[in-house]
Amino acid sequence: MFESVAPIVPVRDLDAALARYRRLGFATRAYDGPQRYGFVDRDSVSLHLTEWAGHDPLTTAASVYLYVTDADAVHASWRSEVEGRLGDPQDTPWGLREFAYVDPDGTLHRVGSPLT
């Protein structure tokens, strides 16, 4: 039985990335060890962050899809908090209300909720 998943996202600066996710409403913590690694959690969503000196947002970026109950509410709460590019919510032909956010590390976050 699969119970959960936690994508590992490359970042250039772990401390900056943890602060960014904290502003977006995630609980954050750095790994207590020699590796530059961190954890971000919000409700049942978990992401792991790995600081990678060779990370290039143009060639080694990641993508995650976050299913939420209300994409418009998440968008409104993120609007003043994000660094990077934040798209407007749109209704999709596949039955979701969604928007895209690309952070300074190049990670694409697609955020969507079911259309009612």
N, C-alpha and C. Protein backbone atom coordinates (compact mmCIF):
# COMPACT_ATOMS: atom_id res chain seq x y z
N MET A 1 0.83 -1.17 0.00
CA MET A 1 0.00 0.00 0.00
C MET A 1 0.89 1.25 0.00
N PHE A 2 0.63 2.17 -0.91
CA PHE A 2 1.32 3.45 -0.92
C PHE A 2 0.62 4.36 0.08
N GLU A 3 1.39 5.11 0.87
CA GLU A 3 0.78 5.98 1.88
C GLU A 3 0.99 7.45 1.63
N SER A 4 2.11 7.82 1.03
CA SER A 4 2.36 9.24 0.77
C SER A 4 3.53 9.37 -0.20
N VAL A 5 3.74 10.59 -0.65
CA VAL A 5 4.87 10.87 -1.53
C VAL A 5 5.42 12.24 -1.14
N ALA A 6 6.72 12.41 -1.27
CA ALA A 6 7.36 13.68 -0.99
C ALA A 6 8.40 13.94 -2.08
N PRO A 7 8.02 14.68 -3.12
CA PRO A 7 9.00 15.01 -4.16
C PRO A 7 10.20 15.75 -3.57
N ILE A 8 11.37 15.50 -4.14
CA ILE A 8 12.59 16.20 -3.73
C ILE A 8 12.88 17.27 -4.76
N VAL A 9 12.88 18.51 -4.30
CA VAL A 9 13.01 19.67 -5.18
C VAL A 9 14.38 20.31 -4.99
N PRO A 10 15.13 20.53 -6.06
CA PRO A 10 16.44 21.18 -5.93
C PRO A 10 16.28 22.69 -5.73
N VAL A 11 17.12 23.23 -4.86
CA VAL A 11 17.14 24.68 -4.61
C VAL A 11 18.59 25.14 -4.57
N ARG A 12 18.80 26.41 -4.87
CA ARG A 12 20.17 26.96 -4.82
C ARG A 12 20.55 27.39 -3.41
N ASP A 13 19.59 27.88 -2.63
CA ASP A 13 19.85 28.39 -1.29
C ASP A 13 18.75 27.84 -0.37
N LEU A 14 19.10 26.86 0.45
CA LEU A 14 18.12 26.20 1.30
C LEU A 14 17.43 27.18 2.24
N ASP A 15 18.19 28.06 2.88
CA ASP A 15 17.61 28.99 3.84
C ASP A 15 16.58 29.90 3.17
N ALA A 16 16.91 30.41 1.98
CA ALA A 16 15.98 31.27 1.25
C ALA A 16 14.74 30.49 0.84
N ALA A 17 14.91 29.24 0.41
CA ALA A 17 13.76 28.43 0.00
C ALA A 17 12.87 28.11 1.19
N LEU A 18 13.45 27.77 2.33
CA LEU A 18 12.64 27.51 3.52
C LEU A 18 11.85 28.76 3.92
N ALA A 19 12.48 29.91 3.87
CA ALA A 19 11.78 31.16 4.20
C ALA A 19 10.64 31.42 3.20
N ARG A 20 10.88 31.15 1.93
CA ARG A 20 9.85 31.36 0.90
C ARG A 20 8.64 30.46 1.16
N TYR A 21 8.88 29.18 1.41
CA TYR A 21 7.77 28.27 1.69
C TYR A 21 7.05 28.64 2.98
N ARG A 22 7.78 29.13 3.97
CA ARG A 22 7.15 29.59 5.22
C ARG A 22 6.17 30.72 4.94
N ARG A 23 6.58 31.67 4.07
CA ARG A 23 5.68 32.78 3.70
C ARG A 23 4.45 32.28 2.95
N LEU A 24 4.57 31.13 2.29
CA LEU A 24 3.45 30.56 1.56
C LEU A 24 2.56 29.68 2.45
N GLY A 25 2.83 29.66 3.74
CA GLY A 25 1.98 28.95 4.69
C GLY A 25 2.40 27.54 5.04
N PHE A 26 3.59 27.13 4.63
CA PHE A 26 4.08 25.79 4.95
C PHE A 26 4.85 25.82 6.27
N ALA A 27 4.79 24.71 7.00
CA ALA A 27 5.69 24.51 8.14
C ALA A 27 7.01 24.04 7.54
N THR A 28 8.11 24.58 8.03
CA THR A 28 9.41 24.25 7.45
C THR A 28 10.40 23.86 8.53
N ARG A 29 11.34 23.02 8.12
CA ARG A 29 12.45 22.70 9.02
C ARG A 29 13.62 22.21 8.19
N ALA A 30 14.79 22.54 8.65
CA ALA A 30 16.02 22.07 8.01
C ALA A 30 16.42 20.74 8.65
N TYR A 31 17.03 19.89 7.85
CA TYR A 31 17.57 18.63 8.36
C TYR A 31 18.67 18.94 9.35
N ASP A 32 18.66 18.26 10.48
CA ASP A 32 19.66 18.47 11.52
C ASP A 32 20.83 17.53 11.28
N GLY A 33 21.63 17.86 10.29
CA GLY A 33 22.77 17.03 9.94
C GLY A 33 23.66 17.80 8.99
N PRO A 34 24.68 17.16 8.47
CA PRO A 34 25.64 17.88 7.64
C PRO A 34 25.12 18.23 6.24
N GLN A 35 24.10 17.52 5.75
CA GLN A 35 23.59 17.82 4.42
C GLN A 35 22.66 19.03 4.47
N ARG A 36 22.66 19.80 3.38
CA ARG A 36 21.77 20.96 3.25
C ARG A 36 20.46 20.46 2.66
N TYR A 37 19.54 20.10 3.52
CA TYR A 37 18.31 19.42 3.14
C TYR A 37 17.21 19.96 4.04
N GLY A 38 16.00 20.09 3.51
CA GLY A 38 14.90 20.60 4.32
C GLY A 38 13.58 19.95 3.99
N PHE A 39 12.60 20.24 4.83
CA PHE A 39 11.27 19.67 4.71
C PHE A 39 10.25 20.79 4.80
N VAL A 40 9.23 20.75 3.93
CA VAL A 40 8.13 21.71 4.00
C VAL A 40 6.83 20.91 3.96
N ASP A 41 5.92 21.26 4.84
CA ASP A 41 4.66 20.54 4.97
C ASP A 41 3.50 21.53 5.12
N ARG A 42 2.41 21.19 4.48
CA ARG A 42 1.17 21.94 4.67
C ARG A 42 0.02 20.95 4.52
N ASP A 43 -0.73 20.81 5.59
CA ASP A 43 -1.78 19.79 5.64
C ASP A 43 -1.16 18.44 5.28
N SER A 44 -1.68 17.73 4.28
CA SER A 44 -1.12 16.41 3.96
C SER A 44 -0.08 16.46 2.84
N VAL A 45 0.36 17.66 2.46
CA VAL A 45 1.36 17.82 1.39
C VAL A 45 2.74 17.97 2.00
N SER A 46 3.69 17.20 1.48
CA SER A 46 5.09 17.30 1.93
C SER A 46 6.00 17.41 0.71
N LEU A 47 6.95 18.31 0.81
CA LEU A 47 8.02 18.44 -0.18
C LEU A 47 9.34 18.39 0.56
N HIS A 48 10.34 17.82 -0.07
CA HIS A 48 11.69 17.85 0.47
C HIS A 48 12.50 18.79 -0.42
N LEU A 49 13.41 19.52 0.17
CA LEU A 49 14.26 20.46 -0.55
C LEU A 49 15.71 20.02 -0.39
N THR A 50 16.44 20.03 -1.48
CA THR A 50 17.86 19.71 -1.41
C THR A 50 18.66 20.85 -2.02
N GLU A 51 19.60 21.38 -1.24
CA GLU A 51 20.45 22.45 -1.76
C GLU A 51 21.48 21.81 -2.68
N TRP A 52 21.57 22.33 -3.88
CA TRP A 52 22.45 21.75 -4.89
C TRP A 52 23.19 22.87 -5.58
N ALA A 53 24.51 22.93 -5.40
CA ALA A 53 25.32 23.99 -5.98
C ALA A 53 25.23 24.00 -7.50
N GLY A 54 25.02 22.85 -8.12
CA GLY A 54 24.94 22.75 -9.57
C GLY A 54 23.55 23.01 -10.13
N HIS A 55 22.61 23.35 -9.26
CA HIS A 55 21.24 23.58 -9.74
C HIS A 55 21.18 24.82 -10.62
N ASP A 56 20.59 24.66 -11.80
CA ASP A 56 20.37 25.75 -12.74
C ASP A 56 18.88 25.79 -13.04
N PRO A 57 18.17 26.84 -12.61
CA PRO A 57 16.73 26.90 -12.81
C PRO A 57 16.29 26.71 -14.26
N LEU A 58 17.17 26.97 -15.21
CA LEU A 58 16.79 26.82 -16.61
C LEU A 58 16.92 25.38 -17.12
N THR A 59 17.69 24.56 -16.41
CA THR A 59 17.91 23.20 -16.93
C THR A 59 17.62 22.08 -15.93
N THR A 60 17.57 22.37 -14.64
CA THR A 60 17.39 21.30 -13.66
C THR A 60 16.21 21.55 -12.72
N ALA A 61 15.27 22.39 -13.14
CA ALA A 61 14.13 22.72 -12.29
C ALA A 61 13.16 21.55 -12.19
N ALA A 62 12.29 21.62 -11.21
CA ALA A 62 11.30 20.58 -10.94
C ALA A 62 9.89 21.13 -11.15
N SER A 63 8.92 20.21 -11.14
CA SER A 63 7.51 20.58 -11.20
C SER A 63 6.74 19.77 -10.17
N VAL A 64 5.77 20.41 -9.53
CA VAL A 64 4.88 19.71 -8.61
C VAL A 64 3.46 20.19 -8.87
N TYR A 65 2.50 19.31 -8.66
CA TYR A 65 1.09 19.68 -8.77
C TYR A 65 0.49 19.56 -7.38
N LEU A 66 -0.10 20.65 -6.91
CA LEU A 66 -0.70 20.68 -5.58
C LEU A 66 -2.21 20.74 -5.72
N TYR A 67 -2.90 19.69 -5.30
CA TYR A 67 -4.36 19.69 -5.29
C TYR A 67 -4.83 20.34 -4.00
N VAL A 68 -5.68 21.34 -4.11
CA VAL A 68 -6.18 22.09 -2.96
C VAL A 68 -7.70 22.15 -3.04
N THR A 69 -8.33 22.57 -1.96
CA THR A 69 -9.79 22.67 -1.98
C THR A 69 -10.28 23.93 -2.65
N ASP A 70 -9.47 25.01 -2.63
CA ASP A 70 -9.90 26.29 -3.23
C ASP A 70 -8.68 27.01 -3.82
N ALA A 71 -8.47 26.82 -5.12
CA ALA A 71 -7.31 27.44 -5.78
C ALA A 71 -7.36 28.96 -5.71
N ASP A 72 -8.54 29.55 -5.80
CA ASP A 72 -8.65 31.02 -5.73
C ASP A 72 -8.19 31.54 -4.37
N ALA A 73 -8.56 30.84 -3.30
CA ALA A 73 -8.15 31.27 -1.96
C ALA A 73 -6.64 31.15 -1.78
N VAL A 74 -6.05 30.06 -2.28
CA VAL A 74 -4.59 29.90 -2.19
C VAL A 74 -3.91 30.99 -3.01
N HIS A 75 -4.40 31.24 -4.20
CA HIS A 75 -3.82 32.29 -5.05
C HIS A 75 -3.87 33.64 -4.33
N ALA A 76 -5.01 33.97 -3.74
CA ALA A 76 -5.14 35.25 -3.03
C ALA A 76 -4.17 35.35 -1.86
N SER A 77 -3.95 34.24 -1.15
CA SER A 77 -3.04 34.28 0.00
C SER A 77 -1.58 34.33 -0.44
N TRP A 78 -1.27 33.81 -1.63
CA TRP A 78 0.11 33.81 -2.12
C TRP A 78 0.45 35.09 -2.86
N ARG A 79 -0.54 35.81 -3.35
CA ARG A 79 -0.30 36.94 -4.25
C ARG A 79 0.74 37.93 -3.71
N SER A 80 0.67 38.28 -2.44
CA SER A 80 1.61 39.26 -1.90
C SER A 80 2.87 38.62 -1.32
N GLU A 81 2.95 37.30 -1.35
CA GLU A 81 4.05 36.60 -0.69
C GLU A 81 5.09 36.01 -1.64
N VAL A 82 4.77 35.91 -2.92
CA VAL A 82 5.65 35.15 -3.80
C VAL A 82 6.76 36.00 -4.41
N GLU A 83 7.89 35.35 -4.59
CA GLU A 83 8.97 35.86 -5.42
C GLU A 83 8.96 34.94 -6.63
N GLY A 84 8.97 35.48 -7.80
CA GLY A 84 8.90 34.66 -9.00
C GLY A 84 7.70 35.09 -9.83
N ARG A 85 7.17 34.14 -10.59
CA ARG A 85 6.03 34.44 -11.48
C ARG A 85 4.78 33.71 -11.01
N LEU A 86 3.72 34.47 -10.82
CA LEU A 86 2.44 33.93 -10.38
C LEU A 86 1.40 34.19 -11.46
N GLY A 87 0.83 33.14 -12.01
CA GLY A 87 -0.21 33.28 -13.02
C GLY A 87 -1.58 33.41 -12.37
N ASP A 88 -2.54 33.84 -13.14
CA ASP A 88 -3.91 33.99 -12.66
C ASP A 88 -4.65 32.66 -12.73
N PRO A 89 -5.57 32.43 -11.80
CA PRO A 89 -6.38 31.21 -11.85
C PRO A 89 -7.25 31.18 -13.11
N GLN A 90 -7.40 29.98 -13.65
CA GLN A 90 -8.22 29.78 -14.85
C GLN A 90 -8.96 28.45 -14.72
N ASP A 91 -10.14 28.39 -15.36
CA ASP A 91 -10.85 27.13 -15.47
C ASP A 91 -10.24 26.35 -16.62
N THR A 92 -10.03 25.07 -16.41
CA THR A 92 -9.40 24.23 -17.44
C THR A 92 -10.43 23.28 -18.06
N PRO A 93 -10.15 22.80 -19.28
CA PRO A 93 -11.05 21.82 -19.90
C PRO A 93 -11.06 20.49 -19.15
N TRP A 94 -10.07 20.23 -18.31
CA TRP A 94 -10.00 18.96 -17.58
C TRP A 94 -10.66 19.06 -16.21
N GLY A 95 -11.46 20.13 -15.97
CA GLY A 95 -12.31 20.19 -14.79
C GLY A 95 -11.67 20.73 -13.53
N LEU A 96 -10.59 21.49 -13.69
CA LEU A 96 -9.94 22.09 -12.52
C LEU A 96 -9.85 23.60 -12.67
N ARG A 97 -9.90 24.28 -11.56
CA ARG A 97 -9.57 25.70 -11.48
C ARG A 97 -8.12 25.71 -11.03
N GLU A 98 -7.21 26.29 -11.83
CA GLU A 98 -5.81 26.19 -11.47
C GLU A 98 -5.02 27.43 -11.86
N PHE A 99 -3.86 27.54 -11.22
CA PHE A 99 -2.90 28.59 -11.56
C PHE A 99 -1.50 28.01 -11.47
N ALA A 100 -0.55 28.75 -12.00
CA ALA A 100 0.85 28.31 -11.97
C ALA A 100 1.68 29.35 -11.22
N TYR A 101 2.65 28.84 -10.49
CA TYR A 101 3.63 29.68 -9.81
C TYR A 101 5.01 29.09 -10.08
N VAL A 102 5.92 29.91 -10.58
CA VAL A 102 7.30 29.51 -10.80
C VAL A 102 8.16 30.29 -9.82
N ASP A 103 8.84 29.59 -8.93
CA ASP A 103 9.64 30.26 -7.91
C ASP A 103 11.03 30.61 -8.45
N PRO A 104 11.83 31.36 -7.68
CA PRO A 104 13.16 31.77 -8.16
C PRO A 104 14.11 30.61 -8.48
N ASP A 105 13.83 29.42 -7.94
CA ASP A 105 14.65 28.25 -8.26
C ASP A 105 14.16 27.54 -9.51
N GLY A 106 13.12 28.09 -10.16
CA GLY A 106 12.60 27.51 -11.39
C GLY A 106 11.57 26.42 -11.19
N THR A 107 11.21 26.12 -9.95
CA THR A 107 10.22 25.07 -9.70
C THR A 107 8.83 25.57 -10.09
N LEU A 108 8.18 24.80 -10.95
CA LEU A 108 6.82 25.09 -11.35
C LEU A 108 5.87 24.42 -10.36
N HIS A 109 5.04 25.24 -9.72
CA HIS A 109 4.00 24.74 -8.82
C HIS A 109 2.67 24.98 -9.54
N ARG A 110 2.00 23.92 -9.95
CA ARG A 110 0.66 24.05 -10.49
C ARG A 110 -0.28 23.74 -9.33
N VAL A 111 -1.24 24.62 -9.13
CA VAL A 111 -2.14 24.51 -7.99
C VAL A 111 -3.56 24.46 -8.54
N GLY A 112 -4.32 23.43 -8.16
CA GLY A 112 -5.65 23.29 -8.71
C GLY A 112 -6.66 22.71 -7.75
N SER A 113 -7.92 23.09 -7.99
CA SER A 113 -9.05 22.55 -7.23
C SER A 113 -10.15 22.17 -8.22
N PRO A 114 -10.98 21.20 -7.84
CA PRO A 114 -12.05 20.78 -8.74
C PRO A 114 -13.04 21.93 -8.99
N LEU A 115 -13.50 22.02 -10.24
CA LEU A 115 -14.56 22.98 -10.55
C LEU A 115 -15.86 22.47 -9.91
N THR A 116 -16.62 23.39 -9.39
CA THR A 116 -17.89 22.97 -8.77
C THR A 116 -19.04 23.12 -9.74
